[in-house]
PDB file of N, CA and C in Angstrom:
ATOM      1  N   UNK A   1     108.394  69.516  69.879  1.00  0.00           N
ATOM      2  CA  UNK A   1     109.189  70.272  70.823  1.00  0.00           C
ATOM      3  C   UNK A   1     109.801  69.310  71.829  1.00  0.00           C
ATOM      4  N   UNK A   2     111.093  69.378  71.984  1.00  0.00           N
ATOM      5  CA  UNK A   2     111.800  68.517  72.914  1.00  0.00           C
ATOM      6  C   UNK A   2     112.042  69.283  74.204  1.00  0.00           C
ATOM      7  N   UNK A   3     111.739  68.646  75.315  1.00  0.00           N
ATOM      8  CA  UNK A   3     111.946  69.274  76.615  1.00  0.00           C
ATOM      9  C   UNK A   3     113.017  68.498  77.362  1.00  0.00           C
ATOM     10  N   UNK A   4     114.095  69.171  77.686  1.00  0.00           N
ATOM     11  CA  UNK A   4     115.165  68.547  78.440  1.00  0.00           C
ATOM     12  C   UNK A   4     115.009  68.952  79.902  1.00  0.00           C
ATOM     13  N   UNK A   5     114.956  67.971  80.765  1.00  0.00           N
ATOM     14  CA  UNK A   5     114.802  68.243  82.190  1.00  0.00           C
ATOM     15  C   UNK A   5     116.104  68.781  82.748  1.00  0.00           C
ATOM     16  N   UNK A   6     116.035  69.884  83.452  1.00  0.00           N
ATOM     17  CA  UNK A   6     117.185  70.464  84.128  1.00  0.00           C
ATOM     18  C   UNK A   6     117.273  69.802  85.489  1.00  0.00           C
ATOM     19  N   UNK A   7     118.380  69.167  85.779  1.00  0.00           N
ATOM     20  CA  UNK A   7     118.519  68.473  87.063  1.00  0.00           C
ATOM     21  C   UNK A   7     119.592  69.104  87.929  1.00  0.00           C
ATOM     22  N   UNK A   8     119.942  70.327  87.618  1.00  0.00           N
ATOM     23  CA  UNK A   8     120.925  71.033  88.422  1.00  0.00           C
ATOM     24  C   UNK A   8     122.278  71.145  87.767  1.00  0.00           C
ATOM     25  N   UNK A   9     122.451  70.502  86.614  1.00  0.00           N
ATOM     26  CA  UNK A   9     123.750  70.579  85.950  1.00  0.00           C
ATOM     27  C   UNK A   9     124.029  71.989  85.423  1.00  0.00           C
ATOM     28  N   UNK A  10     123.049  72.627  84.856  1.00  0.00           N
ATOM     29  CA  UNK A  10     123.254  73.965  84.298  1.00  0.00           C
ATOM     30  C   UNK A  10     123.328  75.034  85.389  1.00  0.00           C
ATOM     31  N   UNK A  11     122.493  74.906  86.406  1.00  0.00           N
ATOM     32  CA  UNK A  11     122.429  75.937  87.444  1.00  0.00           C
ATOM     33  C   UNK A  11     123.300  75.648  88.644  1.00  0.00           C
ATOM     34  N   UNK A  12     123.670  74.383  88.832  1.00  0.00           N
ATOM     35  CA  UNK A  12     124.413  74.010  90.030  1.00  0.00           C
ATOM     36  C   UNK A  12     123.520  73.832  91.237  1.00  0.00           C
ATOM     37  N   UNK A  13     122.223  73.911  91.021  1.00  0.00           N
ATOM     38  CA  UNK A  13     121.241  73.767  92.094  1.00  0.00           C
ATOM     39  C   UNK A  13     120.205  72.744  91.673  1.00  0.00           C
ATOM     40  N   UNK A  14     119.956  71.767  92.523  1.00  0.00           N
ATOM     41  CA  UNK A  14     118.955  70.750  92.205  1.00  0.00           C
ATOM     42  C   UNK A  14     117.602  71.406  91.997  1.00  0.00           C
ATOM     43  N   UNK A  15     116.811  70.808  91.102  1.00  0.00           N
ATOM     44  CA  UNK A  15     115.491  71.367  90.781  1.00  0.00           C
ATOM     45  C   UNK A  15     114.654  71.644  92.020  1.00  0.00           C
ATOM     46  N   UNK A  16     114.560  70.675  92.919  1.00  0.00           N
ATOM     47  CA  UNK A  16     113.677  70.854  94.075  1.00  0.00           C
ATOM     48  C   UNK A  16     114.132  72.027  94.932  1.00  0.00           C
ATOM     49  N   UNK A  17     115.439  72.243  95.055  1.00  0.00           N
ATOM     50  CA  UNK A  17     115.940  73.373  95.838  1.00  0.00           C
ATOM     51  C   UNK A  17     115.676  74.688  95.115  1.00  0.00           C
ATOM     52  N   UNK A  18     115.966  74.700  93.824  1.00  0.00           N
ATOM     53  CA  UNK A  18     115.692  75.890  93.015  1.00  0.00           C
ATOM     54  C   UNK A  18     114.209  76.223  93.065  1.00  0.00           C
ATOM     55  N   UNK A  19     113.367  75.212  92.930  1.00  0.00           N
ATOM     56  CA  UNK A  19     111.921  75.422  92.940  1.00  0.00           C
ATOM     57  C   UNK A  19     111.464  76.025  94.262  1.00  0.00           C
ATOM     58  N   UNK A  20     112.047  75.582  95.354  1.00  0.00           N
ATOM     59  CA  UNK A  20     111.676  76.112  96.667  1.00  0.00           C
ATOM     60  C   UNK A  20     112.093  77.573  96.802  1.00  0.00           C
ATOM     61  N   UNK A  21     113.287  77.895  96.341  1.00  0.00           N
ATOM     62  CA  UNK A  21     113.744  79.288  96.363  1.00  0.00           C
ATOM     63  C   UNK A  21     112.822  80.142  95.496  1.00  0.00           C
ATOM     64  N   UNK A  22     112.494  79.644  94.300  1.00  0.00           N
ATOM     65  CA  UNK A  22     111.598  80.374  93.401  1.00  0.00           C
ATOM     66  C   UNK A  22     110.243  80.603  94.061  1.00  0.00           C
ATOM     67  N   UNK A  23     109.723  79.584  94.726  1.00  0.00           N
ATOM     68  CA  UNK A  23     108.410  79.674  95.369  1.00  0.00           C
ATOM     69  C   UNK A  23     108.400  80.775  96.427  1.00  0.00           C
ATOM     70  N   UNK A  24     109.436  80.820  97.255  1.00  0.00           N
ATOM     71  CA  UNK A  24     109.506  81.858  98.290  1.00  0.00           C
ATOM     72  C   UNK A  24     109.534  83.237  97.641  1.00  0.00           C
ATOM     73  N   UNK A  25     110.359  83.395  96.610  1.00  0.00           N
ATOM     74  CA  UNK A  25     110.444  84.691  95.929  1.00  0.00           C
ATOM     75  C   UNK A  25     109.104  85.072  95.308  1.00  0.00           C
ATOM     76  N   UNK A  26     108.428  84.110  94.698  1.00  0.00           N
ATOM     77  CA  UNK A  26     107.132  84.391  94.071  1.00  0.00           C
ATOM     78  C   UNK A  26     106.094  84.801  95.111  1.00  0.00           C
ATOM     79  N   UNK A  27     106.098  84.144  96.256  1.00  0.00           N
ATOM     80  CA  UNK A  27     105.156  84.499  97.324  1.00  0.00           C
ATOM     81  C   UNK A  27     105.419  85.913  97.827  1.00  0.00           C
ATOM     82  N   UNK A  28     106.691  86.237  98.057  1.00  0.00           N
ATOM     83  CA  UNK A  28     107.032  87.576  98.535  1.00  0.00           C
ATOM     84  C   UNK A  28     106.692  88.635  97.503  1.00  0.00           C
ATOM     85  N   UNK A  29     106.971  88.345  96.246  1.00  0.00           N
ATOM     86  CA  UNK A  29     106.639  89.274  95.172  1.00  0.00           C
ATOM     87  C   UNK A  29     105.133  89.490  95.088  1.00  0.00           C
ATOM     88  N   UNK A  30     104.374  88.408  95.231  1.00  0.00           N
ATOM     89  CA  UNK A  30     102.921  88.520  95.186  1.00  0.00           C
ATOM     90  C   UNK A  30     102.394  89.341  96.364  1.00  0.00           C
ATOM     91  N   UNK A  31     102.980  89.167  97.548  1.00  0.00           N
ATOM     92  CA  UNK A  31     102.553  89.952  98.717  1.00  0.00           C
ATOM     93  C   UNK A  31     102.758  91.445  98.460  1.00  0.00           C
ATOM     94  N   UNK A  32     103.880  91.791  97.828  1.00  0.00           N
ATOM     95  CA  UNK A  32     104.123  93.198  97.483  1.00  0.00           C
ATOM     96  C   UNK A  32     103.115  93.695  96.451  1.00  0.00           C
ATOM     97  N   UNK A  33     102.842  92.875  95.448  1.00  0.00           N
ATOM     98  CA  UNK A  33     101.880  93.253  94.409  1.00  0.00           C
ATOM     99  C   UNK A  33     100.487  93.474  95.012  1.00  0.00           C
ATOM    100  N   UNK A  34     100.101  92.615  95.950  1.00  0.00           N
ATOM    101  CA  UNK A  34      98.786  92.741  96.586  1.00  0.00           C
ATOM    102  C   UNK A  34      98.663  94.058  97.333  1.00  0.00           C
ATOM    103  N   UNK A  35      99.779  94.549  97.882  1.00  0.00           N
ATOM    104  CA  UNK A  35      99.740  95.842  98.581  1.00  0.00           C
ATOM    105  C   UNK A  35      99.295  96.950  97.630  1.00  0.00           C
ATOM    106  N   UNK A  36      99.816  96.933  96.420  1.00  0.00           N
ATOM    107  CA  UNK A  36      99.409  97.916  95.406  1.00  0.00           C
ATOM    108  C   UNK A  36      97.936  97.750  95.067  1.00  0.00           C
ATOM    109  N   UNK A  37      97.503  96.509  94.897  1.00  0.00           N
ATOM    110  CA  UNK A  37      96.112  96.248  94.552  1.00  0.00           C
ATOM    111  C   UNK A  37      95.169  96.668  95.673  1.00  0.00           C
ATOM    112  N   UNK A  38      95.582  96.443  96.908  1.00  0.00           N
ATOM    113  CA  UNK A  38      94.771  96.868  98.065  1.00  0.00           C
ATOM    114  C   UNK A  38      94.608  98.382  98.043  1.00  0.00           C
ATOM    115  N   UNK A  39      95.706  99.082  97.831  1.00  0.00           N
ATOM    116  CA  UNK A  39      95.647 100.545  97.793  1.00  0.00           C
ATOM    117  C   UNK A  39      94.756 101.034  96.658  1.00  0.00           C
ATOM    118  N   UNK A  40      94.841 100.388  95.503  1.00  0.00           N
ATOM    119  CA  UNK A  40      93.984 100.762  94.370  1.00  0.00           C
ATOM    120  C   UNK A  40      92.509 100.573  94.725  1.00  0.00           C
ATOM    121  N   UNK A  41      92.175  99.443  95.329  1.00  0.00           N
ATOM    122  CA  UNK A  41      90.783  99.165  95.699  1.00  0.00           C
ATOM    123  C   UNK A  41      90.296 100.143  96.759  1.00  0.00           C
ATOM    124  N   UNK A  42      91.154 100.437  97.739  1.00  0.00           N
ATOM    125  CA  UNK A  42      90.766 101.391  98.787  1.00  0.00           C
ATOM    126  C   UNK A  42      90.545 102.781  98.209  1.00  0.00           C
ATOM    127  N   UNK A  43      91.365 103.172  97.254  1.00  0.00           N
ATOM    128  CA  UNK A  43      91.212 104.485  96.624  1.00  0.00           C
ATOM    129  C   UNK A  43      89.856 104.594  95.930  1.00  0.00           C
ATOM    130  N   UNK A  44      89.347 103.456  95.445  1.00  0.00           N
ATOM    131  CA  UNK A  44      88.039 103.419  94.787  1.00  0.00           C
ATOM    132  C   UNK A  44      86.912 103.075  95.768  1.00  0.00           C
ATOM    133  N   UNK A  45      87.245 103.003  97.066  1.00  0.00           N
ATOM    134  CA  UNK A  45      86.278 102.660  98.114  1.00  0.00           C
ATOM    135  C   UNK A  45      85.601 101.311  97.872  1.00  0.00           C
ATOM    136  N   UNK A  46      86.351 100.369  97.333  1.00  0.00           N
ATOM    137  CA  UNK A  46      85.825  99.023  97.077  1.00  0.00           C
ATOM    138  C   UNK A  46      86.368  98.083  98.149  1.00  0.00           C
ATOM    139  N   UNK A  47      85.686  98.053  99.278  1.00  0.00           N
ATOM    140  CA  UNK A  47      86.162  97.269 100.414  1.00  0.00           C
ATOM    141  C   UNK A  47      86.116  95.767 100.145  1.00  0.00           C
ATOM    142  N   UNK A  48      85.177  95.334  99.320  1.00  0.00           N
ATOM    143  CA  UNK A  48      85.063  93.912  99.012  1.00  0.00           C
ATOM    144  C   UNK A  48      86.314  93.414  98.268  1.00  0.00           C
ATOM    145  N   UNK A  49      86.736  94.172  97.271  1.00  0.00           N
ATOM    146  CA  UNK A  49      87.929  93.801  96.518  1.00  0.00           C
ATOM    147  C   UNK A  49      89.180  93.962  97.378  1.00  0.00           C
ATOM    148  N   UNK A  50      89.242  95.021  98.165  1.00  0.00           N
ATOM    149  CA  UNK A  50      90.389  95.228  99.048  1.00  0.00           C
ATOM    150  C   UNK A  50      90.536  94.051 100.009  1.00  0.00           C
ATOM    151  N   UNK A  51      89.437  93.562 100.538  1.00  0.00           N
ATOM    152  CA  UNK A  51      89.479  92.426 101.458  1.00  0.00           C
ATOM    153  C   UNK A  51      89.959  91.162 100.756  1.00  0.00           C
ATOM    154  N   UNK A  52      89.512  90.951  99.534  1.00  0.00           N
ATOM    155  CA  UNK A  52      89.985  89.804  98.758  1.00  0.00           C
ATOM    156  C   UNK A  52      91.504  89.854  98.614  1.00  0.00           C
ATOM    157  N   UNK A  53      92.031  91.037  98.269  1.00  0.00           N
ATOM    158  CA  UNK A  53      93.475  91.177  98.096  1.00  0.00           C
ATOM    159  C   UNK A  53      94.214  91.055  99.425  1.00  0.00           C
ATOM    160  N   UNK A  54      93.612  91.494 100.523  1.00  0.00           N
ATOM    161  CA  UNK A  54      94.233  91.303 101.847  1.00  0.00           C
ATOM    162  C   UNK A  54      94.361  89.815 102.170  1.00  0.00           C
ATOM    163  N   UNK A  55      93.325  89.059 101.854  1.00  0.00           N
ATOM    164  CA  UNK A  55      93.384  87.607 102.080  1.00  0.00           C
ATOM    165  C   UNK A  55      94.453  86.968 101.209  1.00  0.00           C
ATOM    166  N   UNK A  56      94.524  87.372  99.960  1.00  0.00           N
ATOM    167  CA  UNK A  56      95.547  86.843  99.055  1.00  0.00           C
ATOM    168  C   UNK A  56      96.942  87.205  99.563  1.00  0.00           C
ATOM    169  N   UNK A  57      97.087  88.408 100.070  1.00  0.00           N
ATOM    170  CA  UNK A  57      98.371  88.847 100.611  1.00  0.00           C
ATOM    171  C   UNK A  57      98.759  88.008 101.830  1.00  0.00           C
ATOM    172  N   UNK A  58      97.801  87.751 102.703  1.00  0.00           N
ATOM    173  CA  UNK A  58      98.067  86.928 103.884  1.00  0.00           C
ATOM    174  C   UNK A  58      98.467  85.515 103.470  1.00  0.00           C
ATOM    175  N   UNK A  59      97.797  84.966 102.478  1.00  0.00           N
ATOM    176  CA  UNK A  59      98.152  83.633 101.980  1.00  0.00           C
ATOM    177  C   UNK A  59      99.565  83.624 101.394  1.00  0.00           C
ATOM    178  N   UNK A  60      99.913  84.670 100.665  1.00  0.00           N
ATOM    179  CA  UNK A  60     101.252  84.754 100.090  1.00  0.00           C
ATOM    180  C   UNK A  60     102.310  84.860 101.178  1.00  0.00           C
ATOM    181  N   UNK A  61     102.042  85.655 102.189  1.00  0.00           N
ATOM    182  CA  UNK A  61     102.987  85.768 103.309  1.00  0.00           C
ATOM    183  C   UNK A  61     103.155  84.431 104.012  1.00  0.00           C
ATOM    184  N   UNK A  62     102.050  83.725 104.203  1.00  0.00           N
ATOM    185  CA  UNK A  62     102.108  82.413 104.857  1.00  0.00           C
ATOM    186  C   UNK A  62     102.932  81.443 104.009  1.00  0.00           C
ATOM    187  N   UNK A  63     102.694  81.429 102.707  1.00  0.00           N
ATOM    188  CA  UNK A  63     103.466  80.559 101.829  1.00  0.00           C
ATOM    189  C   UNK A  63     104.949  80.875 101.885  1.00  0.00           C
ATOM    190  N   UNK A  64     105.285  82.160 101.894  1.00  0.00           N
ATOM    191  CA  UNK A  64     106.693  82.559 101.975  1.00  0.00           C
ATOM    192  C   UNK A  64     107.308  82.098 103.286  1.00  0.00           C
ATOM    193  N   UNK A  65     106.588  82.258 104.386  1.00  0.00           N
ATOM    194  CA  UNK A  65     107.116  81.839 105.681  1.00  0.00           C
ATOM    195  C   UNK A  65     107.326  80.328 105.737  1.00  0.00           C
ATOM    196  N   UNK A  66     106.384  79.574 105.221  1.00  0.00           N
ATOM    197  CA  UNK A  66     106.539  78.116 105.196  1.00  0.00           C
ATOM    198  C   UNK A  66     107.733  77.718 104.339  1.00  0.00           C
ATOM    199  N   UNK A  67     107.869  78.353 103.197  1.00  0.00           N
ATOM    200  CA  UNK A  67     109.000  78.070 102.325  1.00  0.00           C
ATOM    201  C   UNK A  67     110.321  78.442 102.975  1.00  0.00           C
ATOM    202  N   UNK A  68     110.361  79.584 103.653  1.00  0.00           N
ATOM    203  CA  UNK A  68     111.594  79.993 104.327  1.00  0.00           C
ATOM    204  C   UNK A  68     111.961  79.020 105.433  1.00  0.00           C
ATOM    205  N   UNK A  69     110.959  78.503 106.132  1.00  0.00           N
ATOM    206  CA  UNK A  69     111.235  77.513 107.174  1.00  0.00           C
ATOM    207  C   UNK A  69     111.856  76.255 106.582  1.00  0.00           C
ATOM    208  N   UNK A  70     111.333  75.801 105.443  1.00  0.00           N
ATOM    209  CA  UNK A  70     111.899  74.631 104.784  1.00  0.00           C
ATOM    210  C   UNK A  70     113.334  74.910 104.314  1.00  0.00           C
ATOM    211  N   UNK A  71     113.566  76.082 103.742  1.00  0.00           N
ATOM    212  CA  UNK A  71     114.921  76.422 103.306  1.00  0.00           C
ATOM    213  C   UNK A  71     115.880  76.432 104.485  1.00  0.00           C
ATOM    214  N   UNK A  72     115.453  77.025 105.578  1.00  0.00           N
ATOM    215  CA  UNK A  72     116.306  77.097 106.760  1.00  0.00           C
ATOM    216  C   UNK A  72     116.632  75.701 107.277  1.00  0.00           C
ATOM    217  N   UNK A  73     115.627  74.836 107.314  1.00  0.00           N
ATOM    218  CA  UNK A  73     115.827  73.468 107.805  1.00  0.00           C
ATOM    219  C   UNK A  73     116.779  72.688 106.897  1.00  0.00           C
ATOM    220  N   UNK A  74     116.720  72.962 105.612  1.00  0.00           N
ATOM    221  CA  UNK A  74     117.544  72.206 104.664  1.00  0.00           C
ATOM    222  C   UNK A  74     118.943  72.774 104.490  1.00  0.00           C
ATOM    223  N   UNK A  75     119.084  74.080 104.648  1.00  0.00           N
ATOM    224  CA  UNK A  75     120.386  74.710 104.384  1.00  0.00           C
ATOM    225  C   UNK A  75     121.016  75.307 105.636  1.00  0.00           C
ATOM    226  N   UNK A  76     120.356  75.187 106.773  1.00  0.00           N
ATOM    227  CA  UNK A  76     120.893  75.729 108.019  1.00  0.00           C
ATOM    228  C   UNK A  76     120.561  77.192 108.182  1.00  0.00           C
ATOM    229  N   UNK A  77     120.831  77.713 109.344  1.00  0.00           N
ATOM    230  CA  UNK A  77     120.509  79.107 109.636  1.00  0.00           C
ATOM    231  C   UNK A  77     121.608  79.979 109.157  1.00  0.00           C
TER     232      UNK A  77
END
């Protein structure tokens, strides 16, 4: 299997920039997904699992905020 590195020629966006945008989107998507998981755990009265998902959600939000700060610094406000 041959792997050709994408360096921005196909997308018009350098890999590192694309990767940062992807990371922010993935963090935000995960934060939304965790909300569903929290609700599922709460419906089953499983506070231990709900707390785990709350922590994961907080981590995802933090990652998204850090990524957004980097994007803002690199691309302006």
